[in-house]
N, C-alpha and C. Protein backbone atom coordinates (compact mmCIF):
# COMPACT_ATOMS: atom_id res chain seq x y z
N MET A 1 252.56 202.10 198.96
CA MET A 1 252.77 203.27 198.03
C MET A 1 254.20 202.96 197.61
N SER A 2 254.22 202.97 196.06
CA SER A 2 255.48 202.45 195.38
C SER A 2 256.51 203.47 195.33
N ALA A 3 257.77 203.15 195.26
CA ALA A 3 259.06 203.73 195.56
C ALA A 3 259.06 204.81 194.14
N HIS A 4 259.44 206.09 194.58
CA HIS A 4 259.52 206.98 193.22
C HIS A 4 260.94 206.62 192.33
N VAL A 5 260.76 206.38 191.05
CA VAL A 5 262.19 206.29 190.23
C VAL A 5 262.24 207.65 189.71
N PRO A 6 263.26 208.10 189.86
CA PRO A 6 263.37 209.42 188.96
C PRO A 6 263.89 209.17 187.51
N ILE A 7 263.65 210.11 186.85
CA ILE A 7 263.65 209.84 185.45
C ILE A 7 264.84 210.67 184.99
N ASN A 8 265.64 209.84 184.20
CA ASN A 8 266.62 210.34 183.41
C ASN A 8 265.96 211.23 182.05
N PHE A 9 266.39 212.47 181.72
CA PHE A 9 265.85 213.18 180.52
C PHE A 9 266.30 212.73 179.17
N HIS A 10 267.22 211.73 179.25
CA HIS A 10 267.74 211.42 177.83
C HIS A 10 267.28 210.13 177.28
N GLN A 11 266.89 210.05 176.21
CA GLN A 11 266.46 208.90 175.57
C GLN A 11 267.63 208.56 174.59
N CYS A 12 268.01 207.31 174.62
CA CYS A 12 269.33 206.80 173.89
C CYS A 12 270.26 207.43 174.80
N ARG A 13 270.95 208.18 174.40
CA ARG A 13 272.04 209.18 175.58
C ARG A 13 271.08 209.86 176.51
N PHE A 14 269.90 210.22 175.69
CA PHE A 14 268.67 210.76 176.42
C PHE A 14 268.47 209.92 177.72
N ARG A 15 269.15 208.64 177.86
CA ARG A 15 269.01 207.95 178.98
C ARG A 15 270.11 207.88 179.99
N ARG A 16 271.06 208.51 179.56
CA ARG A 16 272.38 208.65 180.39
C ARG A 16 272.10 209.25 181.61
N ALA A 17 272.95 208.89 182.68
CA ALA A 17 272.69 209.29 184.09
C ALA A 17 272.85 210.51 184.20
N LEU A 18 272.01 211.38 184.86
CA LEU A 18 272.34 212.78 185.35
C LEU A 18 272.80 212.68 186.79
N PRO A 19 273.04 213.85 187.42
CA PRO A 19 273.47 213.57 188.65
C PRO A 19 272.58 212.79 189.56
N MET A 20 272.99 212.36 190.61
CA MET A 20 272.39 211.26 191.21
C MET A 20 270.83 211.16 191.30
N LEU A 21 270.13 212.47 191.41
CA LEU A 21 268.78 212.18 191.31
C LEU A 21 268.07 211.37 190.01
N LEU A 22 268.67 211.36 188.90
CA LEU A 22 268.36 210.77 187.76
C LEU A 22 268.64 209.51 187.62
N LEU A 23 269.77 208.97 188.16
CA LEU A 23 270.52 207.66 187.84
C LEU A 23 269.45 206.47 187.79
N ALA A 24 268.29 206.38 188.59
CA ALA A 24 267.93 205.22 188.67
C ALA A 24 266.95 204.90 187.36
N VAL A 25 266.63 205.93 186.62
CA VAL A 25 265.91 205.75 185.41
C VAL A 25 266.49 204.58 184.42
N ALA A 26 267.88 204.67 184.45
CA ALA A 26 268.68 204.03 183.64
C ALA A 26 268.10 202.39 183.36
N SER A 27 267.77 202.06 184.66
CA SER A 27 267.34 200.54 184.94
C SER A 27 265.80 200.41 184.40
N SER A 28 265.10 201.69 184.44
CA SER A 28 263.72 201.43 184.14
C SER A 28 263.14 201.66 182.70
N LEU A 29 264.19 202.56 182.02
CA LEU A 29 264.14 202.86 180.52
C LEU A 29 265.21 202.45 179.98
N ALA A 30 264.91 202.00 178.58
CA ALA A 30 266.24 201.49 177.93
C ALA A 30 266.50 202.63 176.85
N GLY A 31 267.61 202.35 176.21
CA GLY A 31 268.33 203.26 175.05
C GLY A 31 267.46 203.25 174.04
N CYS A 32 267.83 203.60 172.94
CA CYS A 32 267.30 203.78 171.61
C CYS A 32 266.92 202.13 171.09
N LEU A 33 266.02 202.07 170.30
CA LEU A 33 265.54 200.65 170.26
C LEU A 33 265.62 200.18 168.80
N PHE A 34 265.60 201.10 167.91
CA PHE A 34 265.48 200.56 166.49
C PHE A 34 266.52 201.16 165.64
N GLU A 35 266.86 200.37 164.55
CA GLU A 35 267.82 200.83 163.46
C GLU A 35 267.31 201.80 162.59
N ALA A 36 265.91 201.84 162.36
CA ALA A 36 265.26 202.67 161.64
C ALA A 36 264.01 203.60 162.17
N PRO A 37 263.32 204.49 161.62
CA PRO A 37 262.47 205.24 162.26
C PRO A 37 261.16 203.94 162.41
N VAL A 38 260.25 204.15 163.29
CA VAL A 38 259.14 203.34 163.19
C VAL A 38 258.23 203.79 162.01
N ASP A 39 258.30 204.93 161.90
CA ASP A 39 257.35 205.45 160.80
C ASP A 39 258.19 206.49 159.93
N PRO A 40 258.72 205.89 158.57
CA PRO A 40 259.46 207.02 157.73
C PRO A 40 258.74 207.93 157.14
N THR A 41 257.62 207.73 157.18
CA THR A 41 256.71 209.04 156.60
C THR A 41 256.96 210.29 157.51
N GLN A 42 257.19 211.32 156.99
CA GLN A 42 257.39 212.66 157.60
C GLN A 42 256.22 213.59 157.41
N GLU A 43 255.48 213.74 158.14
CA GLU A 43 254.34 214.84 158.14
C GLU A 43 254.90 216.21 158.44
N ALA A 44 254.18 217.15 158.15
CA ALA A 44 254.39 218.37 158.24
C ALA A 44 254.54 218.83 159.78
N LEU A 45 255.60 219.72 159.99
CA LEU A 45 255.73 220.00 161.44
C LEU A 45 254.62 220.51 162.08
N ASP A 46 254.51 220.27 163.34
CA ASP A 46 253.70 220.49 164.42
C ASP A 46 254.31 222.13 164.71
N ASP A 47 254.02 223.23 164.15
CA ASP A 47 254.52 224.23 164.73
C ASP A 47 254.35 224.64 166.05
N ASN A 48 253.43 224.23 166.95
CA ASN A 48 253.26 224.38 168.34
C ASN A 48 254.48 223.91 169.05
N LEU A 49 255.10 222.79 168.64
CA LEU A 49 256.06 222.13 169.11
C LEU A 49 257.35 223.06 169.48
N ILE A 50 257.64 223.98 168.27
CA ILE A 50 258.81 224.80 168.19
C ILE A 50 258.86 225.70 169.08
N GLY A 51 259.84 225.67 169.85
CA GLY A 51 260.21 226.68 171.00
C GLY A 51 261.01 226.05 172.07
N ALA A 52 261.05 226.63 173.22
CA ALA A 52 261.70 226.21 174.31
C ALA A 52 260.43 225.80 175.35
N TRP A 53 260.94 224.59 176.01
CA TRP A 53 260.09 223.90 176.94
C TRP A 53 260.79 223.57 178.24
N ARG A 54 260.29 223.75 179.29
CA ARG A 54 260.91 223.32 180.83
C ARG A 54 259.98 222.08 181.12
N CYS A 55 260.85 220.83 181.43
CA CYS A 55 260.21 219.71 181.65
C CYS A 55 260.53 219.00 182.75
N LEU A 56 259.78 218.51 183.39
CA LEU A 56 259.86 217.59 184.85
C LEU A 56 259.51 216.15 184.46
N PRO A 57 260.14 215.28 185.00
CA PRO A 57 259.72 213.76 184.97
C PRO A 57 258.32 213.69 185.24
N SER A 58 257.70 212.63 184.69
CA SER A 58 256.33 212.36 185.37
C SER A 58 256.34 211.93 186.85
N ASN A 59 255.46 212.11 187.46
CA ASN A 59 255.39 211.97 188.85
C ASN A 59 256.84 212.46 189.56
N PRO A 60 256.97 213.78 189.68
CA PRO A 60 258.03 214.16 190.08
C PRO A 60 258.26 214.16 191.58
N GLU A 61 259.36 214.32 192.00
CA GLU A 61 259.72 214.73 193.44
C GLU A 61 259.92 216.02 193.53
N LEU A 62 259.75 216.76 194.85
CA LEU A 62 259.91 218.13 195.02
C LEU A 62 261.31 218.70 194.57
N ASP A 63 262.54 217.91 194.84
CA ASP A 63 263.61 218.26 194.26
C ASP A 63 264.34 217.81 192.84
N ASP A 64 263.19 217.30 192.03
CA ASP A 64 263.63 216.80 190.85
C ASP A 64 264.00 217.98 190.10
N GLU A 65 265.38 217.87 189.12
CA GLU A 65 265.70 218.94 188.48
C GLU A 65 264.63 219.10 187.28
N THR A 66 264.72 219.99 186.52
CA THR A 66 264.10 220.41 185.19
C THR A 66 265.06 220.12 184.15
N ALA A 67 264.58 219.89 182.87
CA ALA A 67 265.36 219.90 181.69
C ALA A 67 264.47 221.01 180.77
N THR A 68 265.56 221.38 180.02
CA THR A 68 264.88 222.28 178.95
C THR A 68 265.12 221.77 177.61
N PHE A 69 263.98 221.37 176.90
CA PHE A 69 263.97 221.04 175.58
C PHE A 69 263.82 222.08 174.68
N ILE A 70 264.65 222.30 173.66
CA ILE A 70 264.77 223.33 172.58
C ILE A 70 264.29 222.60 171.19
N VAL A 71 263.42 222.95 170.73
CA VAL A 71 262.80 222.38 169.48
C VAL A 71 262.79 223.34 168.57
N ALA A 72 263.61 223.08 167.38
CA ALA A 72 263.46 223.96 166.10
C ALA A 72 263.33 223.32 164.85
N GLU A 73 262.93 223.83 163.85
CA GLU A 73 262.98 223.48 162.43
C GLU A 73 264.47 223.23 162.00
N ALA A 74 264.63 222.08 161.79
CA ALA A 74 265.93 221.74 161.04
C ALA A 74 266.09 221.96 159.62
N ARG A 75 265.18 221.36 159.02
CA ARG A 75 264.78 221.35 157.72
C ARG A 75 263.26 220.94 157.37
N ASP A 76 262.99 221.06 155.95
CA ASP A 76 261.71 220.73 155.77
C ASP A 76 261.25 219.52 156.44
N ARG A 77 260.22 219.53 157.13
CA ARG A 77 259.65 218.29 158.16
C ARG A 77 260.54 217.71 159.13
N VAL A 78 261.43 218.31 159.68
CA VAL A 78 262.61 217.49 160.26
C VAL A 78 262.84 218.74 161.60
N TYR A 79 262.61 218.23 162.69
CA TYR A 79 262.98 219.06 164.06
C TYR A 79 264.50 218.77 164.18
N SER A 80 264.75 219.75 164.93
CA SER A 80 266.21 219.51 165.82
C SER A 80 265.95 219.85 167.07
N VAL A 81 266.18 218.93 168.01
CA VAL A 81 266.02 218.73 169.54
C VAL A 81 267.31 218.77 170.14
N SER A 82 267.08 219.79 171.17
CA SER A 82 268.32 219.84 171.97
C SER A 82 267.79 219.71 173.47
N ILE A 83 268.34 218.66 174.32
CA ILE A 83 268.00 218.54 175.54
C ILE A 83 268.94 219.00 176.51
N GLU A 84 268.65 220.04 177.37
CA GLU A 84 269.73 220.68 178.18
C GLU A 84 269.34 220.37 179.71
N VAL A 85 270.30 220.02 180.37
CA VAL A 85 270.31 220.10 181.78
C VAL A 85 271.29 220.67 182.35
N GLU A 86 271.27 221.77 183.44
CA GLU A 86 272.21 222.38 183.91
C GLU A 86 273.52 221.54 184.35
N GLY A 87 274.53 222.16 183.85
CA GLY A 87 276.03 221.44 184.24
C GLY A 87 276.27 220.35 183.33
N GLU A 88 275.47 220.19 182.20
CA GLU A 88 275.85 219.23 181.35
C GLU A 88 275.78 219.56 179.87
N ALA A 89 276.84 218.97 179.28
CA ALA A 89 276.66 219.24 177.75
C ALA A 89 275.24 218.79 177.17
N PRO A 90 274.63 219.63 175.95
CA PRO A 90 273.33 219.39 175.55
C PRO A 90 273.30 218.04 174.99
N ASP A 91 272.19 217.40 174.72
CA ASP A 91 272.08 216.18 173.79
C ASP A 91 271.43 216.56 172.84
N ARG A 92 271.95 216.06 171.53
CA ARG A 92 271.20 216.61 170.35
C ARG A 92 270.57 215.51 169.31
N TYR A 93 269.24 215.83 168.95
CA TYR A 93 268.67 214.94 168.26
C TYR A 93 268.20 215.61 167.11
N GLU A 94 267.50 214.76 166.23
CA GLU A 94 266.68 214.92 164.96
C GLU A 94 265.35 214.27 165.07
N ALA A 95 264.14 214.85 164.84
CA ALA A 95 262.90 214.13 164.95
C ALA A 95 262.01 214.49 163.73
N HIS A 96 261.22 213.61 163.27
CA HIS A 96 260.32 213.84 162.53
C HIS A 96 258.83 213.35 162.86
N ARG A 97 257.81 213.98 162.62
CA ARG A 97 256.38 213.92 163.02
C ARG A 97 255.73 212.98 162.26
N SER A 98 255.17 212.03 162.82
CA SER A 98 254.27 211.06 162.21
C SER A 98 252.64 211.07 162.79
N ARG A 99 251.85 210.64 162.08
CA ARG A 99 250.39 210.34 162.53
C ARG A 99 250.12 208.94 162.43
N ILE A 100 249.91 208.20 163.45
CA ILE A 100 249.44 206.86 163.55
C ILE A 100 248.23 206.82 164.07
N GLY A 101 247.04 206.56 163.38
CA GLY A 101 245.92 206.38 164.03
C GLY A 101 245.53 207.84 164.33
N ASP A 102 244.97 208.39 165.51
CA ASP A 102 244.62 209.49 165.86
C ASP A 102 245.58 210.31 166.80
N ALA A 103 246.88 209.94 166.99
CA ALA A 103 247.78 210.25 167.64
C ALA A 103 249.22 210.76 166.90
N SER A 104 249.91 211.58 167.44
CA SER A 104 251.02 212.18 167.12
C SER A 104 252.05 211.67 167.64
N TYR A 105 253.02 211.25 166.89
CA TYR A 105 254.44 210.65 167.09
C TYR A 105 255.72 211.47 166.81
N LEU A 106 256.67 211.17 167.45
CA LEU A 106 257.97 211.63 166.91
C LEU A 106 258.98 210.35 166.83
N ASN A 107 259.39 210.38 165.81
CA ASN A 107 260.58 209.28 165.34
C ASN A 107 261.77 210.15 165.77
N VAL A 108 262.55 209.78 166.94
CA VAL A 108 263.78 210.43 167.33
C VAL A 108 265.21 209.76 166.96
N ARG A 109 265.94 210.65 166.55
CA ARG A 109 267.15 209.77 166.15
C ARG A 109 268.43 210.31 166.81
N ASP A 110 269.23 210.02 167.64
CA ASP A 110 270.42 210.51 168.47
C ASP A 110 271.42 210.81 167.35
N LEU A 111 271.90 211.92 167.47
CA LEU A 111 272.72 212.49 166.66
C LEU A 111 274.23 212.49 167.02
N ALA A 112 274.76 211.75 168.29
CA ALA A 112 275.88 211.70 168.83
C ALA A 112 276.82 210.96 168.17
N THR A 113 278.07 211.24 167.88
CA THR A 113 278.97 210.62 167.17
C THR A 113 279.17 209.15 167.64
N ASN A 114 278.97 208.79 169.08
CA ASN A 114 279.05 207.79 169.52
C ASN A 114 277.50 206.92 169.80
N ALA A 115 276.74 207.33 169.05
CA ALA A 115 275.42 206.93 168.97
C ALA A 115 275.29 205.52 168.86
N PRO A 116 274.32 204.83 169.52
CA PRO A 116 274.24 203.26 169.64
C PRO A 116 274.08 202.93 167.94
N ASP A 117 274.12 201.56 167.73
CA ASP A 117 273.73 200.78 166.51
C ASP A 117 272.40 201.13 166.12
N LYS A 118 271.32 201.46 167.12
CA LYS A 118 270.05 201.45 167.02
C LYS A 118 269.81 203.08 167.78
N PRO A 119 269.84 203.82 166.70
CA PRO A 119 269.86 205.35 167.26
C PRO A 119 268.32 205.94 167.28
N TRP A 120 267.35 205.15 166.90
CA TRP A 120 266.00 205.48 166.84
C TRP A 120 264.99 205.09 167.85
N THR A 121 264.14 205.86 168.37
CA THR A 121 262.97 205.53 169.32
C THR A 121 262.05 206.39 169.07
N LEU A 122 260.83 205.98 169.54
CA LEU A 122 259.57 206.52 169.21
C LEU A 122 258.95 207.29 170.45
N ALA A 123 258.58 208.20 170.26
CA ALA A 123 257.85 209.37 171.42
C ALA A 123 256.54 209.69 170.79
N ARG A 124 255.34 209.37 171.79
CA ARG A 124 254.06 210.08 171.58
C ARG A 124 253.95 211.15 172.50
N TYR A 125 253.27 212.25 171.67
CA TYR A 125 253.18 213.39 172.41
C TYR A 125 251.52 213.87 172.42
N SER A 126 251.24 214.79 173.26
CA SER A 126 249.84 215.25 173.34
C SER A 126 250.00 216.55 174.28
N TYR A 127 248.82 217.45 173.79
CA TYR A 127 248.84 218.62 174.53
C TYR A 127 247.70 218.46 175.73
N LEU A 128 248.31 218.72 176.76
CA LEU A 128 247.22 218.50 177.98
C LEU A 128 246.43 219.95 177.88
N LEU A 129 247.19 221.02 177.65
CA LEU A 129 246.89 222.23 177.33
C LEU A 129 247.59 223.09 176.55
N PRO A 130 247.14 224.05 175.72
CA PRO A 130 247.99 224.69 174.63
C PRO A 130 249.35 224.57 175.06
N ASP A 131 249.65 225.12 176.20
CA ASP A 131 251.15 225.15 176.33
C ASP A 131 251.83 224.31 177.31
N VAL A 132 251.23 222.92 177.39
CA VAL A 132 251.51 222.26 178.41
C VAL A 132 251.44 220.82 177.59
N LEU A 133 252.54 220.02 177.35
CA LEU A 133 252.83 219.04 176.79
C LEU A 133 253.17 217.73 177.59
N GLN A 134 252.77 216.63 177.07
CA GLN A 134 253.07 215.35 177.70
C GLN A 134 253.66 214.49 176.96
N VAL A 135 254.88 213.90 177.16
CA VAL A 135 255.70 213.03 176.22
C VAL A 135 255.54 211.69 177.02
N GLN A 136 255.45 210.63 176.10
CA GLN A 136 255.62 209.20 176.55
C GLN A 136 256.49 208.68 175.62
N LEU A 137 257.39 207.70 175.96
CA LEU A 137 258.20 206.68 175.14
C LEU A 137 258.07 205.49 175.25
N VAL A 138 258.24 204.86 174.13
CA VAL A 138 258.32 203.46 173.83
C VAL A 138 259.43 202.87 175.19
N GLU A 139 258.73 201.76 175.79
CA GLU A 139 259.85 201.24 176.89
C GLU A 139 259.93 199.89 176.35
N ASP A 140 261.33 199.51 176.32
CA ASP A 140 261.71 198.09 175.72
C ASP A 140 261.36 197.13 176.50
N ASP A 141 261.12 197.10 177.80
CA ASP A 141 260.54 195.93 178.61
C ASP A 141 259.26 195.68 178.31
N ARG A 142 258.45 196.62 177.70
CA ARG A 142 256.96 196.39 177.42
C ARG A 142 256.83 195.61 176.05
N LEU A 143 258.14 195.54 174.99
CA LEU A 143 258.10 194.97 173.82
C LEU A 143 258.32 193.49 173.88
N LYS A 144 257.49 192.79 173.11
CA LYS A 144 257.69 191.30 172.94
C LYS A 144 258.46 191.31 171.61
N PRO A 145 259.07 190.24 171.61
CA PRO A 145 259.91 189.94 170.50
C PRO A 145 259.53 190.22 169.14
N ALA A 146 258.14 189.78 168.96
CA ALA A 146 257.32 190.23 167.69
C ALA A 146 257.16 191.58 167.50
N ASP A 147 257.64 192.38 168.54
CA ASP A 147 256.96 193.95 168.26
C ASP A 147 258.51 194.60 168.10
N LEU A 148 259.64 193.86 168.01
CA LEU A 148 260.91 194.68 167.95
C LEU A 148 261.28 195.06 166.54
N SER A 149 260.62 194.91 165.54
CA SER A 149 260.92 195.86 164.44
C SER A 149 260.02 197.00 164.19
N PRO A 150 260.44 197.98 163.62
CA PRO A 150 259.92 199.15 163.17
C PRO A 150 258.54 198.84 162.77
N ALA A 151 258.43 198.09 161.58
CA ALA A 151 257.14 197.71 161.03
C ALA A 151 256.40 197.02 162.10
N ALA A 152 256.72 196.07 162.73
CA ALA A 152 255.91 195.58 163.71
C ALA A 152 255.40 196.31 164.79
N LEU A 153 256.30 197.03 165.11
CA LEU A 153 255.53 198.11 166.21
C LEU A 153 254.55 199.15 165.62
N ARG A 154 254.88 199.57 164.23
CA ARG A 154 253.94 200.34 163.53
C ARG A 154 252.39 199.69 163.53
N GLN A 155 252.63 198.61 163.05
CA GLN A 155 251.36 197.76 162.79
C GLN A 155 250.54 197.55 164.33
N ALA A 156 251.25 196.96 165.43
CA ALA A 156 250.56 197.11 166.42
C ALA A 156 250.01 198.32 166.91
N ILE A 157 250.46 199.37 166.72
CA ILE A 157 250.00 201.07 167.14
C ILE A 157 248.93 200.97 166.23
N GLU A 158 248.80 200.62 164.94
CA GLU A 158 247.52 200.83 163.96
C GLU A 158 246.67 199.88 164.49
N ASP A 159 247.03 198.92 165.10
CA ASP A 159 245.83 197.72 165.49
C ASP A 159 245.45 198.17 166.79
N GLY A 160 245.80 199.44 167.37
CA GLY A 160 245.22 200.05 168.90
C GLY A 160 246.02 199.25 169.83
N ARG A 161 247.19 198.91 169.82
CA ARG A 161 247.68 198.44 171.13
C ARG A 161 248.97 199.32 171.59
N ALA A 162 248.93 200.75 171.20
CA ALA A 162 249.96 201.74 171.69
C ALA A 162 250.00 201.90 172.99
N ASP A 163 249.10 201.79 173.83
CA ASP A 163 249.32 201.88 175.26
C ASP A 163 250.06 200.82 175.85
N GLU A 164 250.01 199.70 175.21
CA GLU A 164 250.84 198.51 175.76
C GLU A 164 252.39 198.94 175.86
N PHE A 165 252.90 199.77 174.72
CA PHE A 165 254.41 200.15 174.65
C PHE A 165 254.79 201.37 175.33
N PHE A 166 253.99 202.39 175.60
CA PHE A 166 254.35 203.70 175.87
C PHE A 166 254.44 203.74 177.44
N GLY A 167 255.40 204.55 178.07
CA GLY A 167 255.45 204.83 179.50
C GLY A 167 255.30 206.35 179.70
N ASP A 168 255.06 206.82 180.80
CA ASP A 168 254.98 208.18 180.85
C ASP A 168 256.46 208.81 180.99
N TYR A 169 256.96 209.74 180.30
CA TYR A 169 258.33 210.40 180.33
C TYR A 169 258.53 211.43 181.05
N CYS A 170 257.68 212.65 180.75
CA CYS A 170 257.82 214.07 181.19
C CYS A 170 256.47 214.73 180.78
N VAL A 171 256.45 215.78 181.52
CA VAL A 171 255.59 216.74 181.19
C VAL A 171 256.14 218.18 181.17
N CYS A 172 255.84 218.86 180.13
CA CYS A 172 256.61 220.14 179.52
C CYS A 172 255.81 221.41 179.50
N VAL A 173 256.12 222.48 180.17
CA VAL A 173 255.45 223.78 180.12
C VAL A 173 256.28 224.63 179.27
N ARG A 174 255.46 225.16 178.31
CA ARG A 174 256.28 226.20 177.33
C ARG A 174 256.99 227.37 178.01
N ALA A 175 258.14 227.60 177.70
CA ALA A 175 259.01 228.52 178.57
C ALA A 175 258.63 229.78 177.58
N GLN A 176 258.54 230.94 178.68
CA GLN A 176 258.28 232.09 178.10
C GLN A 176 259.57 232.94 178.05
N GLY A 177 259.39 234.13 177.34
CA GLY A 177 260.62 235.07 177.22
C GLY A 177 261.68 234.30 176.58
N VAL A 178 261.89 233.28 175.75
CA VAL A 178 262.93 232.54 175.36
C VAL A 178 262.83 233.37 173.62
N PRO A 179 264.19 233.70 173.31
CA PRO A 179 264.39 234.31 171.87
C PRO A 179 264.10 233.06 170.98
C-alpha cells in the first residue's frame, strides 16, 4: 500500500504549506509553471462554477482539512478565485476558461504581489455530479522539456496526451447556504 501524501490546497502559492498535514505536497506538486496562459482564448464563463465549494484533497485521510474555493465573476470571461483555509489569509487568483478538445480547463494566474515569475498554471475540471467537482492540475514532474512552453503543452493536449500531464488535486462539493 502506498503512503498517503496530503495535498496542499494552493497552486503556485496554492502550493504553500498549510499546517503540518498539508506540508508534504509541496514536494509532489510544483508551483506555477508558465509565464503566460496555456490557452489565451477566453471562453464564456461556466456559470455552474460560480459559488462556494468545500474541497478535500484527492484520496483524503480522515483528519484532512477542507478548503473553501470561492469562485465569482471578476469581469467578462474572467473568474476571481479565493482559496480559504481556516487560520490562514486567503489566496487570490484569476482564471479564465478554455475548451481544448472535449475538456474544460482553467488558466489560473496567481495575483499575489510576490507571485513567481511564472504565475500561470493549468487546471482541468469536470463534474462528477452537478454539485460535485473534480479538479486536476498540471504537475511539473510529468512535463518533458519539450512540453514546458504554453504552446507546446496546448498542442500536446490537442494531440490527446492530456492524461500524461494532469494529476488529481481535489474533489469539491457545492456549499449550501452561502450568500
